[in-house]
Protein backbone atom coordinates (compact mmCIF):
# COMPACT_ATOMS: atom_id res chain seq x y z
CA MET A 1 0.00 0.00 0.00
CA TRP A 2 2.95 2.31 -0.57
CA ILE A 3 1.06 4.01 -3.39
CA ILE A 4 -1.43 5.67 -1.02
CA PRO A 5 1.16 7.72 0.93
CA ALA A 6 2.91 8.41 -2.39
CA LEU A 7 -0.28 9.92 -3.81
CA ALA A 8 -0.81 11.89 -0.60
CA CYS A 9 2.68 13.39 -0.91
CA LEU A 10 2.08 14.16 -4.59
CA ALA A 11 -1.22 15.86 -3.77
CA PHE A 12 0.46 17.95 -1.07
CA ALA A 13 3.23 19.00 -3.48
CA VAL A 14 0.70 20.03 -6.14
CA PHE A 15 -1.41 21.88 -3.57
CA THR A 16 1.66 23.73 -2.31
CA MET A 17 2.67 24.76 -5.82
CA LEU A 18 -0.80 25.94 -6.83
CA ALA A 19 -2.32 27.26 -3.61
CA ALA A 20 0.58 28.57 -1.53
CA PRO A 21 1.31 31.66 -3.70
CA SER A 22 -2.35 32.72 -3.53
CA LEU A 23 -2.72 32.08 0.20
CA LEU A 24 0.54 33.78 1.14
CA THR A 25 -0.19 36.95 -0.84
CA ARG A 26 -3.73 37.41 0.48
CA GLY A 27 -4.35 40.34 2.82
CA THR A 28 -1.72 42.49 4.58
CA TRP A 29 -0.73 40.10 7.38
CA GLN A 30 2.69 39.62 5.75
CA VAL A 31 3.50 43.27 6.44
CA GLN A 32 2.49 42.79 10.06
CA HIS A 33 4.55 39.62 10.50
CA PRO A 34 7.36 39.65 7.91
CA GLN A 35 9.54 37.06 9.66
CA LEU A 36 6.66 34.57 9.78
CA ALA A 37 5.73 35.30 6.17
CA LEU A 38 9.30 34.77 4.96
CA GLY A 39 9.49 31.48 6.84
CA LEU A 40 6.19 30.30 5.37
CA TRP A 41 7.21 31.25 1.82
CA HIS A 42 10.49 29.36 1.95
CA GLY A 43 8.92 26.59 4.03
CA ALA A 44 6.33 26.06 1.30
CA VAL A 45 9.07 25.73 -1.32
CA VAL A 46 11.09 23.29 0.78
CA GLY A 47 8.01 21.36 1.94
CA GLY A 48 6.62 21.03 -1.58
CA SER A 49 9.98 19.89 -2.94
CA LEU A 50 10.43 17.30 -0.18
CA ALA A 51 6.86 16.04 -0.68
CA LEU A 52 7.52 15.60 -4.39
CA LEU A 53 10.73 13.68 -3.70
CA ALA A 54 8.90 11.54 -1.14
CA ALA A 55 6.16 10.75 -3.68
CA VAL A 56 8.74 9.52 -6.18
CA ALA A 57 10.63 7.52 -3.55
CA LEU A 58 7.47 5.86 -2.22
CA SER A 59 6.36 5.00 -5.75
CA VAL A 60 9.70 3.32 -6.41
CA VAL A 61 9.35 1.36 -3.17
CA ALA A 62 5.82 0.35 -4.19
CA VAL A 63 7.11 -1.02 -7.49
CA LEU A 64 10.04 -2.86 -5.93
CA THR A 65 7.99 -4.46 -3.14
CA TRP A 66 4.85 -5.23 -5.13
CA GLU A 67 3.29 -8.66 -4.73
CA HIS A 68 0.59 -9.61 -7.22
CA ASP A 69 -2.82 -10.47 -5.80
CA GLU A 70 -4.70 -12.48 -8.44
CA GLY A 71 -8.01 -11.96 -6.68
CA SER A 72 -7.89 -8.17 -6.77
CA TRP A 73 -7.99 -5.93 -9.82
CA LEU A 74 -6.97 -3.08 -7.57
CA SER A 75 -3.55 -4.64 -7.08
CA GLY A 76 -2.76 -4.37 -10.79
CA PHE A 77 -4.09 -0.81 -10.91
CA GLU A 78 -1.90 0.19 -7.97
CA ILE A 79 1.28 -1.17 -9.53
CA ALA A 80 0.48 0.47 -12.87
CA LEU A 81 -0.12 3.81 -11.16
CA ALA A 82 3.00 3.44 -9.04
CA SER A 83 5.05 2.60 -12.13
CA VAL A 84 3.84 5.71 -13.94
CA VAL A 85 4.50 7.99 -10.96
CA ALA A 86 7.92 6.44 -10.35
CA SER A 87 9.00 6.57 -14.01
CA VAL A 88 7.80 10.10 -14.69
CA GLY A 89 9.08 11.26 -11.32
CA LEU A 90 12.56 9.83 -11.78
CA ILE A 91 12.89 11.28 -15.29
CA ALA A 92 11.66 14.67 -14.10
CA MET A 93 13.84 14.55 -10.99
CA PHE A 94 17.06 13.85 -12.88
CA GLY A 95 16.25 16.40 -15.57
CA TRP A 96 15.25 19.00 -13.01
CA GLY A 97 18.32 18.24 -10.93
CA PHE A 98 20.55 18.89 -13.94
CA ILE A 99 18.85 22.23 -14.66
CA VAL A 100 18.92 23.35 -11.03
CA THR A 101 22.57 22.36 -10.59
CA ARG A 102 23.65 24.35 -13.64
CA ARG A 103 21.59 27.46 -13.02
CA SER A 104 21.94 27.59 -9.25
CA GLY A 105 25.68 26.98 -9.36
CA ARG A 106 26.16 29.83 -11.81
CA ALA A 107 23.88 32.19 -9.89
CA LEU A 108 25.44 31.45 -6.51
CA ALA A 109 28.96 31.81 -7.90
CA ASP A 110 28.08 35.15 -9.52
CA GLY A 111 26.55 36.36 -6.25
CA ARG A 112 29.60 35.40 -4.21
CA ARG A 113 31.94 37.02 -6.72
CA ALA A 114 29.97 40.28 -6.76
CA ASN A 115 29.84 40.33 -2.97
CA ASP A 116 33.59 39.72 -2.66
CA GLU A 117 34.35 42.45 -5.19
CA LEU A 118 32.13 44.88 -3.29
CA ARG A 119 33.82 44.07 0.02
CA ASP A 120 37.31 44.37 -1.50
CA ALA A 121 36.47 47.68 -3.18
CA ALA A 122 35.18 49.09 0.10
CA ARG A 123 38.39 48.08 1.87
CA VAL A 124 40.48 49.91 -0.72
CA LEU A 125 38.28 53.01 -1.06
CA SER A 126 37.33 53.47 2.59
CA TYR A 127 38.37 56.80 4.09
CA ARG A 128 37.20 55.83 7.59
CA ASP A 129 36.34 52.64 9.44
CA GLU A 130 34.13 52.68 12.51
CA ARG A 131 32.34 50.21 14.76
CA ILE A 132 28.65 51.11 15.06
CA GLY A 133 26.27 48.88 16.96
CA GLY A 134 28.53 45.86 16.63
CA ALA A 135 28.98 46.25 12.87
CA LEU A 136 32.16 47.23 11.05
CA VAL A 137 31.22 50.26 8.96
CA ARG A 138 33.37 51.46 6.08
CA PHE A 139 32.75 54.96 4.76
CA VAL A 140 33.45 55.56 1.07
CA GLU A 141 33.38 58.76 -0.97
CA SER A 142 30.22 58.95 -3.06
CA PRO A 143 27.67 61.75 -3.40
CA ALA A 144 24.82 59.26 -3.77
CA PRO A 145 23.22 58.36 -0.42
CA HIS A 146 23.61 54.60 -0.10
CA ALA A 147 24.21 51.91 2.51
CA LEU A 148 25.03 48.32 1.60
CA ALA A 149 25.68 45.12 3.52
CA ALA A 150 28.50 42.93 2.19
CA ALA A 151 28.40 39.43 3.67
CA GLY A 152 31.27 36.98 3.88
CA PRO A 153 34.03 35.89 6.27
CA ALA A 154 34.53 39.54 7.24
CA PRO A 155 31.05 41.11 6.91
CA VAL A 156 30.94 44.86 6.57
CA VAL A 157 28.40 47.66 6.17
CA ILE A 158 29.34 50.17 3.49
CA VAL A 159 28.09 53.75 3.90
CA SER A 160 28.56 56.51 1.36
CA SER A 161 29.67 60.01 2.32
CA GLY A 162 26.44 61.28 0.75
CA LEU A 163 24.38 59.24 3.20
CA GLU A 164 26.45 60.38 6.17
CA GLN A 165 25.86 64.00 5.20
CA LEU A 166 22.14 63.47 4.61
CA LEU A 167 21.27 61.80 7.94
CA THR A 168 21.62 62.68 11.58
CA ARG A 169 23.88 60.49 13.69
CA GLU A 170 20.91 58.64 15.21
CA GLN A 171 19.37 58.04 11.80
CA LEU A 172 22.70 56.74 10.51
CA GLU A 173 22.94 54.32 13.43
CA ALA A 174 19.43 53.07 12.64
CA VAL A 175 20.38 52.46 9.01
CA VAL A 176 23.51 50.57 10.11
CA ALA A 177 21.38 48.43 12.46
CA HIS A 178 19.08 47.72 9.51
CA GLU A 179 22.00 46.62 7.33
CA ARG A 180 23.54 44.59 10.15
CA CYS A 181 20.31 42.61 10.40
CA HIS A 182 20.74 41.60 6.75
CA LEU A 183 24.17 40.23 7.65
CA VAL A 184 23.37 38.33 10.84
CA ARG A 185 20.19 36.77 9.41
CA PHE A 186 21.76 35.80 6.07
CA HIS A 187 19.21 37.73 4.04
CA ALA A 188 21.46 37.77 0.98
CA LEU A 189 21.32 33.97 0.89
CA ALA A 190 17.52 33.97 1.19
CA GLN A 191 17.24 36.44 -1.69
CA ARG A 192 19.70 34.46 -3.80
CA LEU A 193 17.79 31.22 -3.26
CA ALA A 194 14.56 32.95 -4.29
CA GLU A 195 16.25 34.27 -7.43
CA VAL A 196 17.63 30.81 -8.23
CA ASN A 197 14.14 29.38 -7.81
CA GLU A 198 12.78 31.97 -10.24
CA ALA A 199 15.57 31.29 -12.73
CA CYS A 200 14.76 27.57 -12.65
CA LEU A 201 10.99 28.20 -12.99
CA PRO A 202 10.85 31.28 -15.23
CA ARG A 203 7.22 30.69 -16.29
CA TYR A 204 5.86 29.82 -12.85
CA THR A 205 4.06 32.76 -11.23
CA GLY A 206 4.72 31.39 -7.74
CA ALA A 207 8.48 31.62 -8.29
CA LYS A 208 8.19 35.28 -9.30
CA ASN A 209 5.98 35.96 -6.27
CA LEU A 210 8.52 34.29 -4.00
CA SER A 211 11.33 36.45 -5.35
CA ARG A 212 9.33 39.67 -4.96
CA ALA A 213 8.03 38.72 -1.52
CA THR A 214 11.51 37.83 -0.28
CA ALA A 215 12.91 41.17 -1.44
CA LEU A 216 10.22 43.10 0.46
CA LEU A 217 10.04 40.92 3.57
CA ILE A 218 13.77 41.00 4.30
CA GLU A 219 13.60 44.80 4.19
CA LEU A 220 10.68 44.85 6.63
CA ILE A 221 12.46 42.40 8.94
CA ALA A 222 15.56 44.61 8.89
CA ASP A 223 13.37 47.68 9.49
CA ASP A 224 11.98 46.05 12.63
CA ALA A 225 15.49 45.19 13.81
CA GLY A 226 16.74 48.73 13.19
CA ALA A 227 13.72 50.22 14.97
CA LYS A 228 14.23 47.92 17.94
CA ALA A 229 17.95 48.72 18.19
CA VAL A 230 17.85 52.50 17.75
CA GLY A 231 14.26 53.65 17.50
CA ALA A 232 11.38 53.60 15.03
CA ASP A 233 11.40 57.39 14.62
CA ALA A 234 15.09 57.44 13.75
CA LEU A 235 14.79 54.79 11.05
CA ALA A 236 11.55 56.25 9.70
CA GLY A 237 13.26 59.63 9.46
CA ALA A 238 16.15 58.06 7.56
CA LEU A 239 13.77 56.38 5.10
CA GLN A 240 11.91 59.64 4.52
CA ALA A 241 15.17 61.48 3.99
CA LEU A 242 16.26 58.89 1.43
CA ALA A 243 12.92 59.15 -0.35
CA GLY A 244 13.19 62.93 -0.39
CA ALA A 245 16.70 62.75 -1.81
CA GLY A 246 15.52 60.59 -4.71
CA ALA A 247 17.93 57.81 -3.77
CA GLY A 248 16.23 55.31 -6.05
CA SER A 249 13.22 54.37 -8.12
CA ASP A 250 11.40 52.94 -5.10
CA ASP A 251 10.84 56.20 -3.21
CA ASP A 252 7.16 55.39 -2.65
CA VAL A 253 8.12 52.08 -1.03
CA LEU A 254 10.52 53.94 1.27
CA ARG A 255 7.72 56.27 2.34
CA GLN A 256 5.37 53.35 2.99
CA ARG A 257 8.04 51.66 5.09
CA ALA A 258 8.45 54.90 7.06
CA ARG A 259 4.68 55.10 7.67
CA ARG A 260 4.72 51.51 8.84
CA LEU A 261 7.41 52.33 11.40
CA HIS A 262 5.54 55.42 12.60
CA ALA A 263 2.60 53.15 13.45
CA ARG A 264 4.70 51.28 16.04
CA PRO A 265 4.27 50.06 18.71
CA GLY A 266 1.25 47.81 18.87
CA GLY A 267 0.63 47.30 15.20
CA ILE A 268 1.45 48.02 11.62
CA SER A 269 0.16 50.80 9.47
CA SER A 270 -2.99 49.88 7.60
CA THR A 271 -2.00 52.30 4.85
CA TRP A 272 0.48 49.87 3.29
CA GLN A 273 -0.31 49.27 -0.35
CA ALA A 274 0.98 46.30 -2.30
């Protein structure tokens, strides 16, 4: 009876692929609980993948351990169904594994190389190094107001001179706390995995939703960490200053994140718009 749990695992995998993106994007609860939402998004991907692998494995076991029962037509149906699931599953698994290995390996290598180059450039161009809130901060000359987190064996937060001039000291400390959260919680890895998933499933809407959701949720998680470490008003002020300076094409998102922080404590702003 191995085929029954195999079909259950297959049904769960299909349900996860089809229903999870819709369920996880419904309402605004993700903005209220970004850490939970990020865990559920990536948990759905991992859970669905494991369920699919389990379905294939159980189907193979069903085929290998099958004993024919001449008095039951259901026995023959079960082995035929198990054979189809096992054969199609194994072919798909090996083909998919080849695609994932190639694309993920290239994407992860490119990400590591870009991160290493950024960290090395900051070390060479830095005009001042400072410890702020437990993070090593390297200041580089650039009129554009930017702050970046470069992960690796020696993680560092890179702050431009333009950002230092734009913000107050407290606002700068809040931004550094935000970037430090990206480092200690390995947000770059989460974003890279989401991007790899999208690259491997370019036509699957759920993969695109995962990538977009991850990008937003890690920012909200880091916002909460920065607000907790330094203060919600300080980080909200920094976000508003960045939006006012035209630091990027997502100025409206920066303003919405600032409004969300102003609504603390006790809840999240209901004015957030997807």
